């Protein structure tokens, strides 16, 4: 059976990857940075916008497809278009 392959595909979607930790969030394969303030960051992904609300938010790493956001993360929301 292909249980391992199915589980891997479910956990690691090839379109994007989001890792959330206590004081940072890592997003792989985002399209655009729509909004950047110290309390709110909005990223455009393929099928939705990812909103990160918090305090003292800043971008620690910025590459063409990768972004690392640090600060006190209060909540994260998804807005489907």
PDB file of N, CA and C in Angstrom:
ATOM      1  N   UNK A   1       0.831  -1.185   0.000  1.00  0.00           N
ATOM      2  CA  UNK A   1       0.000   0.000   0.000  1.00  0.00           C
ATOM      3  C   UNK A   1       0.876   1.250   0.000  1.00  0.00           C
ATOM      4  N   UNK A   2       0.259   2.373  -0.291  1.00  0.00           N
ATOM      5  CA  UNK A   2       0.968   3.639  -0.388  1.00  0.00           C
ATOM      6  C   UNK A   2       0.647   4.543   0.805  1.00  0.00           C
ATOM      7  N   UNK A   3       0.538   3.970   1.970  1.00  0.00           N
ATOM      8  CA  UNK A   3       0.154   4.741   3.154  1.00  0.00           C
ATOM      9  C   UNK A   3       1.193   5.818   3.450  1.00  0.00           C
ATOM     10  N   UNK A   4       2.458   5.456   3.384  1.00  0.00           N
ATOM     11  CA  UNK A   4       3.506   6.440   3.696  1.00  0.00           C
ATOM     12  C   UNK A   4       3.474   7.594   2.697  1.00  0.00           C
ATOM     13  N   UNK A   5       3.342   7.291   1.418  1.00  0.00           N
ATOM     14  CA  UNK A   5       3.297   8.340   0.389  1.00  0.00           C
ATOM     15  C   UNK A   5       2.074   9.233   0.568  1.00  0.00           C
ATOM     16  N   UNK A   6       0.928   8.647   0.853  1.00  0.00           N
ATOM     17  CA  UNK A   6      -0.287   9.438   1.069  1.00  0.00           C
ATOM     18  C   UNK A   6      -0.154  10.341   2.291  1.00  0.00           C
ATOM     19  N   UNK A   7       0.417   9.818   3.355  1.00  0.00           N
ATOM     20  CA  UNK A   7       0.604  10.614   4.565  1.00  0.00           C
ATOM     21  C   UNK A   7       1.594  11.754   4.324  1.00  0.00           C
ATOM     22  N   UNK A   8       2.666  11.461   3.632  1.00  0.00           N
ATOM     23  CA  UNK A   8       3.655  12.500   3.313  1.00  0.00           C
ATOM     24  C   UNK A   8       3.038  13.585   2.447  1.00  0.00           C
ATOM     25  N   UNK A   9       2.271  13.221   1.439  1.00  0.00           N
ATOM     26  CA  UNK A   9       1.619  14.207   0.579  1.00  0.00           C
ATOM     27  C   UNK A   9       0.610  15.043   1.359  1.00  0.00           C
ATOM     28  N   UNK A  10      -0.066  14.440   2.325  1.00  0.00           N
ATOM     29  CA  UNK A  10      -1.024  15.177   3.142  1.00  0.00           C
ATOM     30  C   UNK A  10      -0.316  16.183   4.053  1.00  0.00           C
ATOM     31  N   UNK A  11       0.753  15.762   4.695  1.00  0.00           N
ATOM     32  CA  UNK A  11       1.464  16.623   5.633  1.00  0.00           C
ATOM     33  C   UNK A  11       2.295  17.694   4.947  1.00  0.00           C
ATOM     34  N   UNK A  12       2.854  17.393   3.798  1.00  0.00           N
ATOM     35  CA  UNK A  12       3.739  18.321   3.104  1.00  0.00           C
ATOM     36  C   UNK A  12       3.164  18.631   1.731  1.00  0.00           C
ATOM     37  N   UNK A  13       2.151  19.483   1.717  1.00  0.00           N
ATOM     38  CA  UNK A  13       1.535  19.913   0.465  1.00  0.00           C
ATOM     39  C   UNK A  13       2.607  20.552  -0.405  1.00  0.00           C
ATOM     40  N   UNK A  14       2.658  20.166  -1.652  1.00  0.00           N
ATOM     41  CA  UNK A  14       3.700  20.659  -2.543  1.00  0.00           C
ATOM     42  C   UNK A  14       3.470  22.114  -2.967  1.00  0.00           C
ATOM     43  N   UNK A  15       2.254  22.624  -2.806  1.00  0.00           N
ATOM     44  CA  UNK A  15       1.972  23.999  -3.195  1.00  0.00           C
ATOM     45  C   UNK A  15       2.497  25.014  -2.192  1.00  0.00           C
ATOM     46  N   UNK A  16       2.530  24.655  -0.920  1.00  0.00           N
ATOM     47  CA  UNK A  16       3.025  25.561   0.112  1.00  0.00           C
ATOM     48  C   UNK A  16       3.365  24.755   1.354  1.00  0.00           C
ATOM     49  N   UNK A  17       4.094  25.397   2.262  1.00  0.00           N
ATOM     50  CA  UNK A  17       4.459  24.771   3.527  1.00  0.00           C
ATOM     51  C   UNK A  17       4.495  25.862   4.586  1.00  0.00           C
ATOM     52  N   UNK A  18       3.791  25.653   5.694  1.00  0.00           N
ATOM     53  CA  UNK A  18       3.732  26.638   6.766  1.00  0.00           C
ATOM     54  C   UNK A  18       4.115  25.947   8.075  1.00  0.00           C
ATOM     55  N   UNK A  19       5.126  26.486   8.755  1.00  0.00           N
ATOM     56  CA  UNK A  19       5.524  25.984  10.072  1.00  0.00           C
ATOM     57  C   UNK A  19       5.302  27.094  11.086  1.00  0.00           C
ATOM     58  N   UNK A  20       4.609  26.765  12.178  1.00  0.00           N
ATOM     59  CA  UNK A  20       4.283  27.750  13.200  1.00  0.00           C
ATOM     60  C   UNK A  20       4.952  27.337  14.510  1.00  0.00           C
ATOM     61  N   UNK A  21       5.672  28.281  15.100  1.00  0.00           N
ATOM     62  CA  UNK A  21       6.355  28.065  16.367  1.00  0.00           C
ATOM     63  C   UNK A  21       5.929  29.164  17.346  1.00  0.00           C
ATOM     64  N   UNK A  22       6.498  29.173  18.539  1.00  0.00           N
ATOM     65  CA  UNK A  22       6.093  30.142  19.561  1.00  0.00           C
ATOM     66  C   UNK A  22       6.299  31.586  19.126  1.00  0.00           C
ATOM     67  N   UNK A  23       7.461  31.900  18.590  1.00  0.00           N
ATOM     68  CA  UNK A  23       7.739  33.301  18.270  1.00  0.00           C
ATOM     69  C   UNK A  23       8.136  33.520  16.816  1.00  0.00           C
ATOM     70  N   UNK A  24       7.859  32.565  15.960  1.00  0.00           N
ATOM     71  CA  UNK A  24       8.086  32.788  14.537  1.00  0.00           C
ATOM     72  C   UNK A  24       7.247  31.853  13.687  1.00  0.00           C
ATOM     73  N   UNK A  25       7.107  32.236  12.429  1.00  0.00           N
ATOM     74  CA  UNK A  25       6.371  31.440  11.450  1.00  0.00           C
ATOM     75  C   UNK A  25       7.176  31.415  10.159  1.00  0.00           C
ATOM     76  N   UNK A  26       7.284  30.239   9.562  1.00  0.00           N
ATOM     77  CA  UNK A  26       8.021  30.043   8.323  1.00  0.00           C
ATOM     78  C   UNK A  26       7.022  29.661   7.237  1.00  0.00           C
ATOM     79  N   UNK A  27       7.073  30.349   6.109  1.00  0.00           N
ATOM     80  CA  UNK A  27       6.166  30.054   4.993  1.00  0.00           C
ATOM     81  C   UNK A  27       7.008  29.817   3.752  1.00  0.00           C
ATOM     82  N   UNK A  28       6.760  28.684   3.097  1.00  0.00           N
ATOM     83  CA  UNK A  28       7.452  28.342   1.863  1.00  0.00           C
ATOM     84  C   UNK A  28       6.466  28.405   0.700  1.00  0.00           C
ATOM     85  N   UNK A  29       6.876  29.007  -0.359  1.00  0.00           N
ATOM     86  CA  UNK A  29       6.141  29.107  -1.623  1.00  0.00           C
ATOM     87  C   UNK A  29       4.961  30.076  -1.542  1.00  0.00           C
ATOM     88  N   UNK A  30       5.218  31.243  -0.964  1.00  0.00           N
ATOM     89  CA  UNK A  30       4.211  32.303  -0.978  1.00  0.00           C
ATOM     90  C   UNK A  30       4.381  33.098  -2.279  1.00  0.00           C
ATOM     91  N   UNK A  31       3.338  33.805  -2.702  1.00  0.00           N
ATOM     92  CA  UNK A  31       3.389  34.562  -3.950  1.00  0.00           C
ATOM     93  C   UNK A  31       3.768  36.024  -3.743  1.00  0.00           C
ATOM     94  N   UNK A  32       3.187  36.654  -2.716  1.00  0.00           N
ATOM     95  CA  UNK A  32       3.395  38.094  -2.566  1.00  0.00           C
ATOM     96  C   UNK A  32       3.206  38.494  -1.112  1.00  0.00           C
ATOM     97  N   UNK A  33       3.877  39.556  -0.733  1.00  0.00           N
ATOM     98  CA  UNK A  33       3.710  40.175   0.571  1.00  0.00           C
ATOM     99  C   UNK A  33       2.748  41.343   0.375  1.00  0.00           C
ATOM    100  N   UNK A  34       1.507  41.211   0.879  1.00  0.00           N
ATOM    101  CA  UNK A  34       0.470  42.204   0.636  1.00  0.00           C
ATOM    102  C   UNK A  34       0.470  43.340   1.646  1.00  0.00           C
ATOM    103  N   UNK A  35       0.812  43.036   2.904  1.00  0.00           N
ATOM    104  CA  UNK A  35       0.784  44.044   3.958  1.00  0.00           C
ATOM    105  C   UNK A  35       1.877  43.733   4.966  1.00  0.00           C
ATOM    106  N   UNK A  36       2.575  44.779   5.407  1.00  0.00           N
ATOM    107  CA  UNK A  36       3.637  44.605   6.393  1.00  0.00           C
ATOM    108  C   UNK A  36       3.598  45.748   7.397  1.00  0.00           C
ATOM    109  N   UNK A  37       3.177  45.453   8.619  1.00  0.00           N
ATOM    110  CA  UNK A  37       3.266  46.391   9.730  1.00  0.00           C
ATOM    111  C   UNK A  37       3.825  45.607  10.916  1.00  0.00           C
ATOM    112  N   UNK A  38       4.076  46.284  12.019  1.00  0.00           N
ATOM    113  CA  UNK A  38       4.604  45.576  13.183  1.00  0.00           C
ATOM    114  C   UNK A  38       3.528  44.810  13.951  1.00  0.00           C
ATOM    115  N   UNK A  39       2.247  44.959  13.554  1.00  0.00           N
ATOM    116  CA  UNK A  39       1.169  44.212  14.212  1.00  0.00           C
ATOM    117  C   UNK A  39       0.405  43.281  13.263  1.00  0.00           C
ATOM    118  N   UNK A  40       0.626  43.424  11.948  1.00  0.00           N
ATOM    119  CA  UNK A  40      -0.108  42.591  10.994  1.00  0.00           C
ATOM    120  C   UNK A  40       0.712  42.390   9.725  1.00  0.00           C
ATOM    121  N   UNK A  41       0.765  41.139   9.265  1.00  0.00           N
ATOM    122  CA  UNK A  41       1.418  40.799   8.007  1.00  0.00           C
ATOM    123  C   UNK A  41       0.457  39.926   7.217  1.00  0.00           C
ATOM    124  N   UNK A  42       0.276  40.235   5.934  1.00  0.00           N
ATOM    125  CA  UNK A  42      -0.607  39.457   5.068  1.00  0.00           C
ATOM    126  C   UNK A  42       0.219  38.944   3.893  1.00  0.00           C
ATOM    127  N   UNK A  43       0.166  37.623   3.689  1.00  0.00           N
ATOM    128  CA  UNK A  43       0.865  36.980   2.586  1.00  0.00           C
ATOM    129  C   UNK A  43      -0.143  36.392   1.616  1.00  0.00           C
ATOM    130  N   UNK A  44       0.133  36.480   0.338  1.00  0.00           N
ATOM    131  CA  UNK A  44      -0.695  35.873  -0.705  1.00  0.00           C
ATOM    132  C   UNK A  44      -0.114  34.512  -1.031  1.00  0.00           C
ATOM    133  N   UNK A  45      -0.934  33.476  -0.897  1.00  0.00           N
ATOM    134  CA  UNK A  45      -0.564  32.142  -1.320  1.00  0.00           C
ATOM    135  C   UNK A  45      -1.440  31.774  -2.518  1.00  0.00           C
ATOM    136  N   UNK A  46      -1.297  30.585  -3.022  1.00  0.00           N
ATOM    137  CA  UNK A  46      -1.985  30.218  -4.261  1.00  0.00           C
ATOM    138  C   UNK A  46      -3.502  30.362  -4.190  1.00  0.00           C
ATOM    139  N   UNK A  47      -4.119  29.857  -3.119  1.00  0.00           N
ATOM    140  CA  UNK A  47      -5.581  29.844  -3.048  1.00  0.00           C
ATOM    141  C   UNK A  47      -6.162  30.686  -1.919  1.00  0.00           C
ATOM    142  N   UNK A  48      -5.311  31.311  -1.121  1.00  0.00           N
ATOM    143  CA  UNK A  48      -5.805  32.072   0.007  1.00  0.00           C
ATOM    144  C   UNK A  48      -4.762  33.094   0.454  1.00  0.00           C
ATOM    145  N   UNK A  49      -5.203  34.017   1.307  1.00  0.00           N
ATOM    146  CA  UNK A  49      -4.301  34.966   1.959  1.00  0.00           C
ATOM    147  C   UNK A  49      -4.088  34.506   3.391  1.00  0.00           C
ATOM    148  N   UNK A  50      -2.861  34.594   3.861  1.00  0.00           N
ATOM    149  CA  UNK A  50      -2.501  34.219   5.219  1.00  0.00           C
ATOM    150  C   UNK A  50      -2.259  35.495   6.011  1.00  0.00           C
ATOM    151  N   UNK A  51      -3.036  35.703   7.077  1.00  0.00           N
ATOM    152  CA  UNK A  51      -2.914  36.891   7.910  1.00  0.00           C
ATOM    153  C   UNK A  51      -2.303  36.505   9.239  1.00  0.00           C
ATOM    154  N   UNK A  52      -1.231  37.197   9.613  1.00  0.00           N
ATOM    155  CA  UNK A  52      -0.551  36.970  10.880  1.00  0.00           C
ATOM    156  C   UNK A  52      -0.706  38.233  11.710  1.00  0.00           C
ATOM    157  N   UNK A  53      -1.335  38.118  12.871  1.00  0.00           N
ATOM    158  CA  UNK A  53      -1.503  39.236  13.791  1.00  0.00           C
ATOM    159  C   UNK A  53      -0.622  39.007  15.005  1.00  0.00           C
ATOM    160  N   UNK A  54      -0.021  40.088  15.489  1.00  0.00           N
ATOM    161  CA  UNK A  54       0.837  39.943  16.653  1.00  0.00           C
ATOM    162  C   UNK A  54       1.401  41.271  17.114  1.00  0.00           C
ATOM    163  N   UNK A  55       2.527  41.183  17.794  1.00  0.00           N
ATOM    164  CA  UNK A  55       3.219  42.361  18.295  1.00  0.00           C
ATOM    165  C   UNK A  55       4.690  42.276  17.902  1.00  0.00           C
ATOM    166  N   UNK A  56       5.264  43.407  17.538  1.00  0.00           N
ATOM    167  CA  UNK A  56       6.677  43.487  17.155  1.00  0.00           C
ATOM    168  C   UNK A  56       7.031  42.495  16.045  1.00  0.00           C
ATOM    169  N   UNK A  57       6.153  42.352  15.052  1.00  0.00           N
ATOM    170  CA  UNK A  57       6.408  41.441  13.939  1.00  0.00           C
ATOM    171  C   UNK A  57       7.434  42.058  12.991  1.00  0.00           C
ATOM    172  N   UNK A  58       8.326  41.224  12.506  1.00  0.00           N
ATOM    173  CA  UNK A  58       9.302  41.669  11.511  1.00  0.00           C
ATOM    174  C   UNK A  58       9.754  40.474  10.677  1.00  0.00           C
ATOM    175  N   UNK A  59      10.280  40.766   9.519  1.00  0.00           N
ATOM    176  CA  UNK A  59      10.764  39.729   8.618  1.00  0.00           C
ATOM    177  C   UNK A  59      12.236  39.497   8.905  1.00  0.00           C
ATOM    178  N   UNK A  60      12.547  38.263   9.265  1.00  0.00           N
ATOM    179  CA  UNK A  60      13.919  37.900   9.590  1.00  0.00           C
ATOM    180  C   UNK A  60      14.652  37.344   8.376  1.00  0.00           C
ATOM    181  N   UNK A  61      13.918  36.683   7.491  1.00  0.00           N
ATOM    182  CA  UNK A  61      14.502  36.086   6.290  1.00  0.00           C
ATOM    183  C   UNK A  61      13.513  36.276   5.152  1.00  0.00           C
ATOM    184  N   UNK A  62      14.006  36.767   4.026  1.00  0.00           N
ATOM    185  CA  UNK A  62      13.141  37.005   2.871  1.00  0.00           C
ATOM    186  C   UNK A  62      13.858  36.530   1.619  1.00  0.00           C
ATOM    187  N   UNK A  63      13.316  35.500   1.018  1.00  0.00           N
ATOM    188  CA  UNK A  63      13.817  34.962  -0.240  1.00  0.00           C
ATOM    189  C   UNK A  63      12.659  34.942  -1.232  1.00  0.00           C
ATOM    190  N   UNK A  64      12.922  34.702  -2.515  1.00  0.00           N
ATOM    191  CA  UNK A  64      11.831  34.742  -3.500  1.00  0.00           C
ATOM    192  C   UNK A  64      10.629  33.850  -3.161  1.00  0.00           C
ATOM    193  N   UNK A  65      10.836  32.673  -2.546  1.00  0.00           N
ATOM    194  CA  UNK A  65       9.721  31.788  -2.225  1.00  0.00           C
ATOM    195  C   UNK A  65       9.599  31.491  -0.743  1.00  0.00           C
ATOM    196  N   UNK A  66      10.491  32.046   0.068  1.00  0.00           N
ATOM    197  CA  UNK A  66      10.501  31.739   1.490  1.00  0.00           C
ATOM    198  C   UNK A  66      10.487  33.015   2.318  1.00  0.00           C
ATOM    199  N   UNK A  67       9.794  32.944   3.469  1.00  0.00           N
ATOM    200  CA  UNK A  67       9.770  34.080   4.375  1.00  0.00           C
ATOM    201  C   UNK A  67       9.742  33.554   5.808  1.00  0.00           C
ATOM    202  N   UNK A  68      10.512  34.207   6.669  1.00  0.00           N
ATOM    203  CA  UNK A  68      10.544  33.882   8.086  1.00  0.00           C
ATOM    204  C   UNK A  68      10.150  35.140   8.846  1.00  0.00           C
ATOM    205  N   UNK A  69       9.050  35.048   9.580  1.00  0.00           N
ATOM    206  CA  UNK A  69       8.503  36.187  10.322  1.00  0.00           C
ATOM    207  C   UNK A  69       8.667  35.908  11.807  1.00  0.00           C
ATOM    208  N   UNK A  70       9.256  36.869  12.515  1.00  0.00           N
ATOM    209  CA  UNK A  70       9.465  36.730  13.961  1.00  0.00           C
ATOM    210  C   UNK A  70       8.686  37.805  14.709  1.00  0.00           C
ATOM    211  N   UNK A  71       8.447  37.540  15.984  1.00  0.00           N
ATOM    212  CA  UNK A  71       7.715  38.447  16.848  1.00  0.00           C
ATOM    213  C   UNK A  71       6.725  37.658  17.692  1.00  0.00           C
ATOM    214  N   UNK A  72       5.939  38.358  18.475  1.00  0.00           N
ATOM    215  CA  UNK A  72       4.917  37.700  19.294  1.00  0.00           C
ATOM    216  C   UNK A  72       3.680  37.471  18.426  1.00  0.00           C
ATOM    217  N   UNK A  73       3.434  36.223  18.071  1.00  0.00           N
ATOM    218  CA  UNK A  73       2.305  35.875  17.213  1.00  0.00           C
ATOM    219  C   UNK A  73       1.078  35.647  18.098  1.00  0.00           C
ATOM    220  N   UNK A  74       0.028  36.413  17.831  1.00  0.00           N
ATOM    221  CA  UNK A  74      -1.207  36.316  18.608  1.00  0.00           C
ATOM    222  C   UNK A  74      -2.206  35.390  17.929  1.00  0.00           C
ATOM    223  N   UNK A  75      -2.405  35.569  16.626  1.00  0.00           N
ATOM    224  CA  UNK A  75      -3.271  34.649  15.886  1.00  0.00           C
ATOM    225  C   UNK A  75      -2.918  34.650  14.409  1.00  0.00           C
ATOM    226  N   UNK A  76      -3.394  33.626  13.735  1.00  0.00           N
ATOM    227  CA  UNK A  76      -3.156  33.436  12.308  1.00  0.00           C
ATOM    228  C   UNK A  76      -4.494  33.116  11.674  1.00  0.00           C
ATOM    229  N   UNK A  77      -4.780  33.763  10.547  1.00  0.00           N
ATOM    230  CA  UNK A  77      -6.042  33.527   9.862  1.00  0.00           C
ATOM    231  C   UNK A  77      -5.843  33.249   8.379  1.00  0.00           C
ATOM    232  N   UNK A  78      -6.827  32.587   7.811  1.00  0.00           N
ATOM    233  CA  UNK A  78      -6.824  32.277   6.382  1.00  0.00           C
ATOM    234  C   UNK A  78      -8.063  32.892   5.763  1.00  0.00           C
ATOM    235  N   UNK A  79      -7.863  33.610   4.671  1.00  0.00           N
ATOM    236  CA  UNK A  79      -8.959  34.243   3.943  1.00  0.00           C
ATOM    237  C   UNK A  79      -8.983  33.683   2.526  1.00  0.00           C
ATOM    238  N   UNK A  80      -9.959  32.810   2.253  1.00  0.00           N
ATOM    239  CA  UNK A  80     -10.085  32.218   0.920  1.00  0.00           C
ATOM    240  C   UNK A  80     -10.716  33.227  -0.019  1.00  0.00           C
ATOM    241  N   UNK A  81     -10.204  33.281  -1.213  1.00  0.00           N
ATOM    242  CA  UNK A  81     -10.706  34.244  -2.197  1.00  0.00           C
ATOM    243  C   UNK A  81     -11.772  33.621  -3.060  1.00  0.00           C
TER     244      UNK A  81
END
